[in-house]
N, C-alpha and C. Protein backbone atom coordinates (compact mmCIF):
# COMPACT_ATOMS: atom_id res chain seq x y z
N UNK A 1 25.59 -0.25 16.28
CA UNK A 1 24.11 0.50 15.64
C UNK A 1 22.78 0.16 16.45
N UNK A 2 22.62 1.62 16.47
CA UNK A 2 21.50 2.04 17.20
C UNK A 2 20.33 1.08 17.54
N UNK A 3 19.47 1.14 18.05
CA UNK A 3 17.64 0.15 18.13
C UNK A 3 17.80 0.87 18.66
N UNK A 4 15.98 1.30 18.96
CA UNK A 4 14.62 1.40 20.15
C UNK A 4 14.32 0.10 20.64
N UNK A 5 14.40 -0.15 21.84
CA UNK A 5 12.92 -1.64 22.33
C UNK A 5 12.15 -0.74 22.50
N UNK A 6 10.99 -1.87 21.86
CA UNK A 6 9.98 -1.37 22.24
C UNK A 6 8.57 -2.16 23.23
N UNK A 7 8.78 -1.65 24.32
CA UNK A 7 8.36 -2.38 25.42
C UNK A 7 7.71 -1.21 26.95
N UNK A 8 6.30 -2.20 26.89
CA UNK A 8 5.61 -1.26 28.68
C UNK A 8 4.31 -1.95 28.62
N UNK A 9 3.56 -1.09 27.65
CA UNK A 9 2.04 -1.53 28.30
C UNK A 9 1.32 -3.18 27.43
N UNK A 10 0.67 -2.63 27.98
CA UNK A 10 0.35 -4.75 28.03
C UNK A 10 -1.16 -4.38 27.14
N UNK A 11 -1.48 -5.20 25.97
CA UNK A 11 -2.87 -5.65 25.94
C UNK A 11 -3.09 -7.23 25.85
N UNK A 12 -4.45 -7.00 25.71
CA UNK A 12 -4.90 -8.51 26.67
C UNK A 12 -6.15 -9.29 25.03
N UNK A 13 -5.83 -10.44 24.52
CA UNK A 13 -6.74 -10.74 23.88
C UNK A 13 -7.51 -12.22 24.46
N UNK A 14 -8.35 -12.63 25.33
CA UNK A 14 -8.29 -13.06 25.84
C UNK A 14 -7.34 -13.75 27.10
N UNK A 15 -7.28 -15.06 27.20
CA UNK A 15 -5.69 -15.14 28.07
C UNK A 15 -4.66 -14.57 27.57
N UNK A 16 -4.17 -14.33 26.65
CA UNK A 16 -3.11 -14.34 25.75
C UNK A 16 -2.70 -12.26 25.40
N UNK A 17 -1.80 -12.29 26.36
CA UNK A 17 -1.44 -10.87 26.30
C UNK A 17 0.02 -10.49 25.25
N UNK A 18 -0.16 -8.55 25.30
CA UNK A 18 1.19 -8.37 23.98
C UNK A 18 0.93 -7.32 24.41
N UNK A 19 3.06 -7.44 24.95
CA UNK A 19 3.61 -6.48 25.63
C UNK A 19 3.99 -5.21 24.21
N UNK A 20 3.27 -3.85 24.46
CA UNK A 20 3.74 -3.31 23.23
C UNK A 20 4.29 -1.80 24.08
N UNK A 21 4.91 -1.36 23.31
CA UNK A 21 6.59 -0.68 23.62
C UNK A 21 6.24 1.17 23.94
N UNK A 22 7.41 0.83 24.72
CA UNK A 22 7.97 2.21 24.86
C UNK A 22 9.95 2.27 24.47
N UNK A 23 10.28 3.50 24.22
CA UNK A 23 11.49 3.46 23.70
C UNK A 23 12.29 3.09 24.64
N UNK A 24 13.24 2.57 24.58
CA UNK A 24 14.82 2.07 25.30
C UNK A 24 16.18 1.85 24.07
N UNK A 25 16.86 2.38 24.11
CA UNK A 25 17.68 2.50 23.08
C UNK A 25 19.15 1.13 23.50
N UNK A 26 19.31 0.33 22.48
CA UNK A 26 20.30 -0.24 22.61
C UNK A 26 21.33 -0.75 21.16
N UNK A 27 22.56 -0.95 21.83
CA UNK A 27 23.51 -0.84 20.70
C UNK A 27 23.59 -1.73 19.71
N UNK A 28 22.68 -3.44 20.02
CA UNK A 28 23.05 -4.35 19.33
C UNK A 28 21.87 -5.40 19.40
N UNK A 29 21.20 -5.78 18.05
CA UNK A 29 20.20 -6.33 18.11
C UNK A 29 19.79 -7.12 19.19
N UNK A 30 19.05 -7.75 20.39
CA UNK A 30 18.65 -8.95 21.36
C UNK A 30 17.09 -9.06 20.91
N UNK A 31 17.39 -9.63 20.65
CA UNK A 31 15.52 -10.80 21.05
C UNK A 31 14.92 -10.35 21.96
N UNK A 32 13.25 -9.46 21.69
CA UNK A 32 12.69 -9.01 22.97
C UNK A 32 12.62 -10.01 23.44
N UNK A 33 12.29 -11.33 23.57
CA UNK A 33 11.32 -12.03 23.50
C UNK A 33 9.70 -12.59 23.32
N UNK A 34 9.45 -13.53 23.74
CA UNK A 34 8.19 -13.86 23.45
C UNK A 34 6.64 -12.56 23.59
N UNK A 35 6.53 -12.31 22.84
CA UNK A 35 5.49 -11.81 22.65
C UNK A 35 5.77 -9.64 22.94
N UNK A 36 6.86 -9.57 22.60
CA UNK A 36 7.40 -8.64 22.72
C UNK A 36 8.30 -7.97 21.84
N UNK A 37 8.63 -6.39 21.65
CA UNK A 37 8.91 -5.89 20.60
C UNK A 37 9.70 -4.77 20.49
N UNK A 38 10.57 -5.03 19.29
CA UNK A 38 11.83 -4.19 19.39
C UNK A 38 12.13 -3.90 18.16
N UNK A 39 11.89 -2.49 17.66
CA UNK A 39 12.27 -1.76 17.07
C UNK A 39 13.93 -1.69 16.50
N UNK A 40 14.00 -2.35 14.58
CA UNK A 40 15.03 -2.29 14.04
C UNK A 40 14.31 -1.57 12.56
N UNK A 41 14.88 -0.31 12.27
CA UNK A 41 14.04 0.52 11.45
C UNK A 41 14.73 0.04 9.74
N UNK A 42 14.05 -0.22 8.83
CA UNK A 42 14.82 -0.05 7.59
C UNK A 42 14.96 0.78 7.08
N UNK A 43 15.72 0.67 6.07
CA UNK A 43 15.63 2.38 4.67
C UNK A 43 15.16 1.74 4.09
N UNK A 44 14.54 0.86 3.66
CA UNK A 44 13.75 0.13 2.28
C UNK A 44 12.40 0.27 2.80
N UNK A 45 11.54 1.70 2.52
CA UNK A 45 10.12 1.81 2.15
C UNK A 45 10.02 2.80 1.14
N UNK A 46 8.75 3.51 1.31
CA UNK A 46 8.05 4.22 0.68
C UNK A 46 6.81 5.12 1.09
N UNK A 47 6.51 6.03 0.47
CA UNK A 47 4.77 6.63 1.10
C UNK A 47 4.22 5.47 0.39
N UNK A 48 3.17 5.23 0.73
CA UNK A 48 1.39 4.42 0.26
C UNK A 48 1.20 5.73 -0.71
N UNK A 49 0.54 4.87 -1.66
CA UNK A 49 -0.01 5.89 -2.32
C UNK A 49 -1.38 6.83 -1.43
N UNK A 50 -1.72 8.34 -2.47
CA UNK A 50 -2.69 8.28 -1.68
C UNK A 50 -3.82 7.87 -1.49
N UNK A 51 -4.87 8.61 -0.27
CA UNK A 51 -5.78 7.83 -0.24
C UNK A 51 -5.58 6.57 -0.25
N UNK A 52 -4.42 5.21 -0.19
CA UNK A 52 -4.31 4.20 0.47
C UNK A 52 -5.72 3.47 1.99
N UNK A 53 -6.50 3.15 1.31
CA UNK A 53 -6.74 2.48 2.19
C UNK A 53 -6.09 0.63 2.61
N UNK A 54 -5.28 0.67 3.94
CA UNK A 54 -4.74 -0.94 4.40
C UNK A 54 -6.17 -1.38 4.75
N UNK A 55 -5.83 -2.43 3.72
CA UNK A 55 -7.37 -3.40 4.48
C UNK A 55 -6.43 -5.35 4.15
N UNK A 56 -5.88 -5.15 4.18
CA UNK A 56 -4.54 -6.72 3.63
C UNK A 56 -3.35 -7.18 4.84
N UNK A 57 -3.63 -7.99 5.05
CA UNK A 57 -1.78 -8.74 5.77
C UNK A 57 -1.68 -9.97 5.08
N UNK A 58 -0.21 -10.12 4.92
CA UNK A 58 0.32 -10.83 3.68
C UNK A 58 1.88 -11.51 5.09
N UNK A 59 1.41 -12.64 5.17
CA UNK A 59 1.94 -13.63 5.87
C UNK A 59 3.28 -13.83 4.89
N UNK A 60 4.50 -14.28 5.06
CA UNK A 60 5.51 -15.11 5.33
C UNK A 60 6.08 -15.90 5.49
N UNK A 61 7.41 -16.23 5.48
CA UNK A 61 8.11 -17.04 5.63
C UNK A 61 9.29 -16.60 5.00
N UNK A 62 11.22 -17.05 6.10
CA UNK A 62 11.70 -15.61 6.29
C UNK A 62 13.21 -16.64 4.78
N UNK A 63 12.63 -17.87 4.70
CA UNK A 63 13.95 -18.81 4.33
C UNK A 63 14.85 -18.92 4.96
N UNK A 64 15.36 -18.46 6.19
CA UNK A 64 16.36 -18.45 7.40
C UNK A 64 15.13 -19.22 8.80
N UNK A 65 16.30 -19.74 9.44
CA UNK A 65 16.59 -19.62 10.12
C UNK A 65 16.88 -19.07 11.55
N UNK A 66 17.03 -17.74 11.31
CA UNK A 66 17.91 -16.73 11.81
C UNK A 66 17.44 -15.58 11.71
N UNK A 67 16.66 -15.10 13.45
CA UNK A 67 15.98 -13.68 13.37
C UNK A 67 16.86 -12.40 12.68
N UNK A 68 18.20 -12.99 13.66
CA UNK A 68 19.42 -11.82 14.00
C UNK A 68 19.55 -11.63 11.85
N UNK A 69 19.79 -12.80 11.31
CA UNK A 69 19.87 -12.66 10.09
C UNK A 69 19.11 -11.57 9.32
N UNK A 70 17.71 -11.98 9.47
CA UNK A 70 16.61 -10.91 8.90
C UNK A 70 17.07 -10.06 9.25
N UNK A 71 16.75 -9.15 10.36
CA UNK A 71 16.83 -8.17 10.82
C UNK A 71 18.36 -7.09 9.88
N UNK A 72 18.75 -8.21 10.20
CA UNK A 72 20.41 -7.30 9.10
C UNK A 72 20.13 -7.13 8.12
N UNK A 73 19.59 -8.31 7.04
CA UNK A 73 19.04 -8.02 6.08
C UNK A 73 18.09 -7.61 5.37
N UNK A 74 17.01 -6.70 6.18
CA UNK A 74 15.80 -5.54 6.19
C UNK A 74 16.66 -4.37 7.05
N UNK A 75 18.17 -4.53 7.62
CA UNK A 75 19.04 -2.98 7.35
C UNK A 75 19.41 -2.58 6.44
N UNK A 76 19.78 -3.76 5.34
CA UNK A 76 21.07 -3.22 3.99
C UNK A 76 19.91 -2.86 2.61
N UNK A 77 20.29 -1.42 2.75
CA UNK A 77 19.70 -1.33 1.40
C UNK A 77 20.19 -1.80 0.29
N UNK A 78 20.91 -2.33 0.32
CA UNK A 78 20.74 -2.98 -0.87
C UNK A 78 19.93 -3.90 -0.97
N UNK A 79 19.34 -4.22 -0.23
CA UNK A 79 18.26 -6.03 -0.36
C UNK A 79 17.28 -5.13 -1.29
N UNK A 80 16.89 -3.82 -0.91
CA UNK A 80 15.73 -4.14 -1.57
C UNK A 80 14.40 -4.48 -1.51
N UNK A 81 14.05 -4.88 0.27
CA UNK A 81 13.42 -5.57 0.86
C UNK A 81 13.23 -5.52 2.49
N UNK A 82 12.40 -5.48 2.90
CA UNK A 82 11.56 -5.04 3.43
C UNK A 82 10.29 -5.53 3.77
N UNK A 83 9.62 -5.03 5.33
CA UNK A 83 8.39 -6.30 5.90
C UNK A 83 8.07 -4.94 7.08
N UNK A 84 7.42 -5.26 7.62
CA UNK A 84 6.50 -3.84 8.58
C UNK A 84 6.98 -4.99 9.55
N UNK A 85 6.85 -6.33 9.93
CA UNK A 85 7.18 -7.16 11.01
C UNK A 85 7.86 -8.13 10.80
N UNK A 86 9.01 -8.85 11.37
CA UNK A 86 9.79 -10.34 12.06
C UNK A 86 9.18 -10.97 12.75
N UNK A 87 8.93 -11.94 13.45
CA UNK A 87 8.06 -12.84 13.96
C UNK A 87 9.11 -13.84 13.53
N UNK A 88 9.96 -13.99 15.52
CA UNK A 88 11.39 -14.45 16.00
C UNK A 88 10.43 -15.96 16.49
N UNK A 89 11.15 -17.12 16.44
CA UNK A 89 10.75 -18.65 16.82
C UNK A 89 10.20 -18.24 18.46
N UNK A 90 11.16 -18.06 18.61
CA UNK A 90 10.70 -17.07 20.55
C UNK A 90 9.55 -16.61 20.43
N UNK A 91 8.53 -16.33 19.96
CA UNK A 91 7.17 -14.97 19.75
C UNK A 91 7.88 -13.91 19.86
N UNK A 92 9.49 -13.60 19.94
CA UNK A 92 9.70 -12.03 19.34
C UNK A 92 9.19 -11.03 17.99
N UNK A 93 9.59 -10.23 18.26
CA UNK A 93 8.64 -9.74 17.25
C UNK A 93 9.60 -7.90 16.78
N UNK A 94 10.35 -7.78 16.33
CA UNK A 94 11.06 -6.85 15.55
C UNK A 94 9.54 -5.84 14.19
N UNK A 95 9.96 -4.67 14.62
CA UNK A 95 9.53 -4.09 13.92
C UNK A 95 10.56 -2.87 12.89
N UNK A 96 10.09 -2.94 11.27
CA UNK A 96 11.24 -2.78 10.41
C UNK A 96 10.84 -0.79 10.04
N UNK A 97 9.30 -0.45 10.37
CA UNK A 97 8.82 0.67 9.67
C UNK A 97 7.69 0.74 10.18
N UNK A 98 7.02 2.43 10.06
CA UNK A 98 6.09 2.40 10.44
C UNK A 98 4.54 1.84 9.84
N UNK A 99 3.39 1.36 10.01
CA UNK A 99 2.78 0.78 9.35
C UNK A 99 1.86 1.52 8.39
N UNK A 100 2.70 2.62 8.51
CA UNK A 100 1.35 3.88 7.85
C UNK A 100 2.42 3.75 5.81
N UNK A 101 3.65 3.28 6.56
CA UNK A 101 4.57 3.91 5.57
C UNK A 101 4.72 2.63 3.84
N UNK A 102 5.06 2.72 3.27
CA UNK A 102 4.64 0.96 2.17
C UNK A 102 5.93 0.18 2.19
N UNK A 103 5.62 -1.00 2.73
CA UNK A 103 6.90 -1.82 2.63
C UNK A 103 7.48 -2.54 1.18
N UNK A 104 8.56 -3.56 1.18
CA UNK A 104 8.69 -3.81 0.15
C UNK A 104 8.95 -5.75 0.63
N UNK A 105 7.80 -6.11 0.14
CA UNK A 105 7.70 -7.18 0.29
C UNK A 105 7.11 -8.53 -0.35
N UNK A 106 5.85 -7.55 -1.16
CA UNK A 106 5.41 -8.59 -1.96
C UNK A 106 5.71 -8.83 -2.74
N UNK A 107 6.67 -8.17 -4.11
CA UNK A 107 6.81 -7.81 -4.98
C UNK A 107 5.67 -7.67 -6.20
N UNK A 108 6.39 -8.12 -7.61
CA UNK A 108 4.50 -8.68 -8.27
C UNK A 108 3.90 -9.60 -7.58
N UNK A 109 2.47 -9.01 -7.56
CA UNK A 109 1.61 -9.32 -6.57
C UNK A 109 -0.27 -8.44 -7.39
N UNK A 110 -0.79 -9.77 -6.66
CA UNK A 110 -1.71 -9.22 -6.88
C UNK A 110 -2.99 -10.33 -6.28
N UNK A 111 -4.21 -9.30 -5.77
CA UNK A 111 -4.33 -10.12 -4.61
C UNK A 111 -5.77 -10.45 -4.73
N UNK A 112 -6.89 -11.93 -4.30
CA UNK A 112 -7.92 -12.19 -5.24
C UNK A 112 -9.35 -11.67 -5.14
N UNK A 113 -9.06 -10.10 -5.32
CA UNK A 113 -10.43 -8.92 -6.28
C UNK A 113 -9.15 -9.14 -8.20
N UNK A 114 -7.97 -9.61 -8.26
CA UNK A 114 -7.03 -9.19 -9.00
C UNK A 114 -7.09 -7.56 -8.81
N UNK A 115 -6.41 -6.73 -7.67
CA UNK A 115 -6.30 -5.67 -7.35
C UNK A 115 -4.62 -5.71 -7.32
N UNK A 116 -3.45 -4.92 -8.08
CA UNK A 116 -1.85 -5.24 -8.12
C UNK A 116 -1.37 -4.46 -7.74
N UNK A 117 -0.17 -4.62 -7.09
CA UNK A 117 0.64 -3.75 -6.65
C UNK A 117 0.41 -4.27 -4.88
N UNK A 118 -0.31 -5.01 -4.17
CA UNK A 118 -0.47 -5.38 -3.31
C UNK A 118 0.86 -4.83 -1.56
N UNK A 119 1.45 -4.22 -2.16
CA UNK A 119 2.82 -3.37 -1.45
C UNK A 119 1.73 -1.96 -0.91
N UNK A 120 1.50 -1.94 -1.94
CA UNK A 120 0.65 0.04 -1.52
C UNK A 120 -0.56 -0.43 -0.32
N UNK A 121 -1.08 -1.73 0.17
CA UNK A 121 -2.29 -1.49 0.42
C UNK A 121 -2.63 -2.63 1.76
N UNK A 122 -0.88 -3.14 2.13
CA UNK A 122 -0.89 -4.52 2.98
C UNK A 122 -0.11 -3.85 4.25
N UNK A 123 -0.34 -5.03 5.61
CA UNK A 123 0.98 -5.02 6.15
C UNK A 123 1.82 -6.09 4.86
N UNK A 124 2.97 -6.03 5.94
CA UNK A 124 3.62 -7.62 5.74
C UNK A 124 4.33 -8.15 7.04
N UNK A 125 4.29 -9.32 6.98
CA UNK A 125 4.52 -10.05 8.65
C UNK A 125 5.65 -11.33 7.99
N UNK A 126 6.89 -11.11 8.18
CA UNK A 126 7.61 -12.30 7.88
C UNK A 126 7.75 -13.02 9.17
N UNK A 127 7.86 -14.40 9.11
CA UNK A 127 7.92 -15.34 10.26
C UNK A 127 9.33 -16.34 10.19
N UNK A 128 10.09 -16.17 11.20
CA UNK A 128 11.42 -17.15 10.71
C UNK A 128 10.99 -18.44 10.23
N UNK A 129 11.55 -19.59 9.51
CA UNK A 129 10.79 -20.32 8.98
C UNK A 129 11.82 -20.44 7.21
N UNK A 130 12.59 -21.92 7.64
CA UNK A 130 12.94 -22.62 6.56
C UNK A 130 12.38 -22.06 5.16
N UNK A 131 11.17 -23.14 5.64
CA UNK A 131 10.95 -22.83 4.38
C UNK A 131 10.46 -24.18 4.10
N UNK A 132 11.71 -25.92 3.94
CA UNK A 132 11.66 -26.87 3.87
C UNK A 132 10.75 -27.30 3.75
N UNK A 133 9.73 -26.78 4.66
CA UNK A 133 7.92 -27.79 5.20
C UNK A 133 8.51 -28.78 5.78
N UNK A 134 9.33 -28.74 6.54
CA UNK A 134 9.51 -29.56 7.62
C UNK A 134 9.93 -28.55 9.31
N UNK A 135 10.27 -27.55 8.87
CA UNK A 135 10.77 -26.33 9.89
C UNK A 135 9.99 -26.15 10.53
N UNK A 136 9.20 -27.16 12.08
CA UNK A 136 7.83 -26.64 12.81
C UNK A 136 7.87 -25.77 12.81
N UNK A 137 6.74 -24.18 12.81
CA UNK A 137 6.01 -23.67 13.92
C UNK A 137 6.12 -23.38 14.87
N UNK A 138 6.54 -22.83 15.96
CA UNK A 138 6.39 -23.25 17.39
C UNK A 138 5.10 -22.42 17.68
N UNK A 139 5.16 -22.86 18.98
CA UNK A 139 3.34 -22.68 19.69
C UNK A 139 3.31 -20.44 20.20
N UNK A 140 4.66 -20.03 20.19
CA UNK A 140 5.22 -19.08 20.77
C UNK A 140 4.88 -18.24 19.38
N UNK A 141 5.61 -18.55 18.25
CA UNK A 141 5.52 -17.96 16.99
C UNK A 141 3.92 -17.95 15.96
N UNK A 142 3.37 -19.30 16.59
CA UNK A 142 1.61 -18.48 16.16
C UNK A 142 0.97 -18.04 16.76
N UNK A 143 1.65 -18.48 18.26
CA UNK A 143 0.42 -16.64 19.36
C UNK A 143 0.66 -15.70 19.23
N UNK A 144 2.17 -15.30 18.96
CA UNK A 144 3.11 -14.04 18.67
C UNK A 144 1.95 -13.29 17.59
N UNK A 145 1.64 -14.43 16.00
CA UNK A 145 1.06 -13.64 15.40
C UNK A 145 0.02 -13.34 15.13
N UNK A 146 -1.30 -14.23 15.46
CA UNK A 146 -2.29 -13.77 16.21
C UNK A 146 -2.45 -12.79 16.77
N UNK A 147 -1.70 -13.00 18.22
CA UNK A 147 -1.37 -11.51 18.85
C UNK A 147 -1.47 -10.01 17.76
N UNK A 148 -0.72 -10.35 16.98
CA UNK A 148 0.36 -8.70 16.21
C UNK A 148 -1.09 -8.89 15.12
N UNK A 149 -1.61 -9.77 14.62
CA UNK A 149 -2.94 -9.68 13.30
C UNK A 149 -3.97 -9.12 14.25
N UNK A 150 -4.90 -9.76 15.87
CA UNK A 150 -5.47 -8.89 16.30
C UNK A 150 -4.85 -7.55 16.43
N UNK A 151 -4.42 -7.15 16.91
CA UNK A 151 -3.87 -5.88 17.62
C UNK A 151 -4.26 -4.76 16.72
N UNK A 152 -3.83 -5.51 14.96
CA UNK A 152 -3.86 -4.42 13.86
C UNK A 152 -5.11 -4.11 13.53
N UNK A 153 -5.53 -5.16 13.11
CA UNK A 153 -7.17 -5.67 12.73
C UNK A 153 -7.97 -4.29 13.94
N UNK A 154 -7.99 -4.85 15.46
CA UNK A 154 -8.50 -4.43 16.09
C UNK A 154 -8.52 -3.32 16.56
N UNK A 155 -7.46 -2.30 16.75
CA UNK A 155 -6.84 -0.89 17.09
C UNK A 155 -5.84 -0.84 15.74
N UNK A 156 -5.37 -1.17 14.55
CA UNK A 156 -4.78 0.19 14.10
C UNK A 156 -5.33 0.01 12.93
N UNK A 157 -5.86 -0.53 12.10
CA UNK A 157 -6.35 -0.89 10.83
C UNK A 157 -7.74 -1.56 10.45
N UNK A 158 -8.85 -1.38 10.60
CA UNK A 158 -9.87 -2.14 10.86
C UNK A 158 -10.87 -2.54 9.68
N UNK A 159 -10.05 -1.52 8.79
CA UNK A 159 -10.35 -2.24 7.23
C UNK A 159 -10.16 -3.33 6.80
N UNK A 160 -9.16 -4.13 7.88
CA UNK A 160 -8.19 -5.57 7.78
C UNK A 160 -9.14 -5.98 7.14
N UNK A 161 -10.00 -6.48 5.80
CA UNK A 161 -10.47 -7.87 5.31
C UNK A 161 -10.22 -8.87 4.74
N UNK A 162 -8.98 -9.05 5.02
CA UNK A 162 -8.67 -10.83 4.32
C UNK A 162 -7.00 -10.44 4.69
N UNK A 163 -6.43 -12.17 5.58
CA UNK A 163 -4.89 -12.80 6.15
C UNK A 163 -4.44 -13.16 4.71
N UNK A 164 -3.89 -13.25 4.06
CA UNK A 164 -3.08 -13.98 2.90
C UNK A 164 -1.98 -14.52 2.91
N UNK A 165 -1.30 -15.20 1.84
CA UNK A 165 -0.27 -15.89 1.82
C UNK A 165 0.22 -15.40 0.57
N UNK A 166 2.17 -14.90 0.31
CA UNK A 166 2.94 -15.08 -0.44
C UNK A 166 2.54 -15.23 -1.24
N UNK A 167 2.54 -16.85 -1.32
CA UNK A 167 2.14 -17.74 -2.25
C UNK A 167 1.19 -17.46 -3.24
N UNK A 168 0.15 -17.08 -2.45
CA UNK A 168 -1.21 -17.14 -3.30
C UNK A 168 -1.37 -15.16 -4.31
N UNK A 169 -0.76 -14.15 -3.29
CA UNK A 169 -0.47 -13.18 -4.88
C UNK A 169 0.82 -13.40 -4.81
N UNK A 170 1.06 -13.71 -5.46
CA UNK A 170 2.85 -13.74 -6.26
C UNK A 170 2.75 -13.76 -7.71
N UNK A 171 2.99 -13.07 -8.11
CA UNK A 171 2.40 -13.24 -10.12
C UNK A 171 3.85 -13.25 -10.54
N UNK A 172 4.84 -14.49 -11.13
CA UNK A 172 2.92 -15.17 -11.74
C UNK A 172 3.46 -16.18 -10.87
N UNK A 173 1.90 -17.35 -10.78
CA UNK A 173 1.09 -18.16 -10.21
C UNK A 173 2.43 -19.23 -9.99
N UNK A 174 3.11 -19.75 -8.97
CA UNK A 174 4.16 -20.19 -8.42
C UNK A 174 5.23 -20.03 -8.03
N UNK A 175 5.41 -18.09 -8.21
CA UNK A 175 6.52 -18.00 -7.52
C UNK A 175 6.99 -18.23 -6.21
N UNK A 176 5.92 -18.21 -5.83
CA UNK A 176 6.64 -18.11 -3.78
C UNK A 176 6.13 -19.40 -2.86
N UNK A 177 6.29 -19.74 -2.35
CA UNK A 177 5.42 -20.74 -1.31
C UNK A 177 5.56 -20.09 -0.12
N UNK A 178 5.82 -19.34 0.34
CA UNK A 178 5.43 -19.11 1.83
C UNK A 178 4.18 -18.28 1.97
N UNK A 179 3.87 -18.84 3.58
CA UNK A 179 4.23 -19.68 4.30
C UNK A 179 4.27 -20.50 4.09
N UNK A 180 5.11 -21.80 3.74
CA UNK A 180 5.22 -23.32 4.03
C UNK A 180 4.42 -23.86 5.15
N UNK A 181 3.73 -24.40 5.29
CA UNK A 181 3.00 -24.90 5.53
C UNK A 181 2.36 -24.46 7.42
N UNK A 182 2.28 -23.13 7.38
CA UNK A 182 1.91 -22.38 8.53
C UNK A 182 0.60 -22.76 8.73
N UNK A 183 -0.34 -22.88 9.77
CA UNK A 183 -1.18 -23.56 10.14
C UNK A 183 -2.61 -22.24 10.70
N UNK A 184 -2.45 -22.12 9.95
CA UNK A 184 -3.57 -20.75 8.61
C UNK A 184 -5.32 -21.18 10.51
N UNK A 185 -5.33 -22.17 10.67
CA UNK A 185 -6.87 -22.40 11.34
C UNK A 185 -6.59 -21.80 12.51
N UNK A 186 -5.44 -21.32 13.31
CA UNK A 186 -5.06 -20.79 14.28
C UNK A 186 -5.06 -19.23 14.29
N UNK A 187 -5.72 -19.29 12.82
CA UNK A 187 -5.81 -17.61 12.71
C UNK A 187 -7.35 -17.15 12.68
N UNK A 188 -8.21 -18.02 12.76
CA UNK A 188 -9.44 -18.14 12.19
C UNK A 188 -10.34 -17.82 13.34
N UNK A 189 -9.92 -17.23 14.76
CA UNK A 189 -10.52 -16.77 15.57
C UNK A 189 -10.89 -14.74 15.13
N UNK A 190 -9.35 -14.36 14.44
CA UNK A 190 -10.07 -13.50 14.36
C UNK A 190 -10.95 -12.70 12.87
N UNK A 191 -12.04 -13.58 12.35
CA UNK A 191 -12.87 -13.27 12.31
C UNK A 191 -12.83 -12.57 10.28
N UNK A 192 -11.72 -12.68 10.09
CA UNK A 192 -11.01 -12.10 8.53
C UNK A 192 -10.90 -12.67 7.94
N UNK A 193 -11.29 -13.19 6.96
CA UNK A 193 -10.77 -14.31 5.68
C UNK A 193 -9.65 -14.17 5.53
N UNK A 194 -8.94 -15.57 5.00
CA UNK A 194 -7.70 -16.18 5.46
C UNK A 194 -7.55 -17.24 3.79
N UNK A 195 -6.85 -16.53 3.05
CA UNK A 195 -6.61 -16.39 1.66
C UNK A 195 -5.13 -16.59 2.07
N UNK A 196 -5.16 -18.54 1.37
CA UNK A 196 -3.87 -19.48 1.12
C UNK A 196 -3.97 -20.32 0.07
N UNK A 197 -2.82 -21.02 -0.35
CA UNK A 197 -2.48 -22.24 -1.11
C UNK A 197 -1.72 -21.14 -2.83
N UNK A 198 -2.19 -22.19 -3.52
CA UNK A 198 -1.93 -21.61 -4.89
C UNK A 198 -2.86 -20.73 -5.56
N UNK A 199 -2.60 -19.72 -6.29
CA UNK A 199 -4.21 -19.26 -6.93
C UNK A 199 -3.14 -19.29 -8.20
N UNK A 200 -4.35 -20.18 -8.98
CA UNK A 200 -4.18 -20.88 -9.61
C UNK A 200 -4.74 -20.54 -10.64
N UNK A 201 -5.08 -18.85 -10.85
CA UNK A 201 -5.80 -18.21 -12.01
C UNK A 201 -4.24 -16.51 -12.86
């Protein structure tokens, strides 16, 4: 299966950089490495409702320790699941579909303002982690998450006002626990609301 590797231009955020892509083709999945992208298209998406403003990022854990396995899962039409991005333990970033399309990552959901169908107006970011509560979040992974969110907020969707956990938006409350034990304080410099923990409403 062919997939497009994205790598060339560099964006800087303070002392950190994010490599943003040109298209190269490779025959099998290879993790691109710290703060670099590869595009592996998922068939599992549809159009956002007309006039939708993307104003939310949802963070997830994969419940797996395998980046390649998650990529393969999102390539399977039968999975009926996708996210816009997955971040590996080494800081590799896989993009699965255009951010202008609607990914299938949140399921039954509502945000803190009681807006339903969070997939409609959000970007979904999966991160490789088993969700055991003891599986560590690597510095490379957290940095890649920060840089990706910074890029989305500053250069793609300036209307983004919140980054939320899947746990908080899942209906019914308690249906999801991800991203388990993620170090949310690392995202505070982004200057948007961080909404996580169990939503008991």
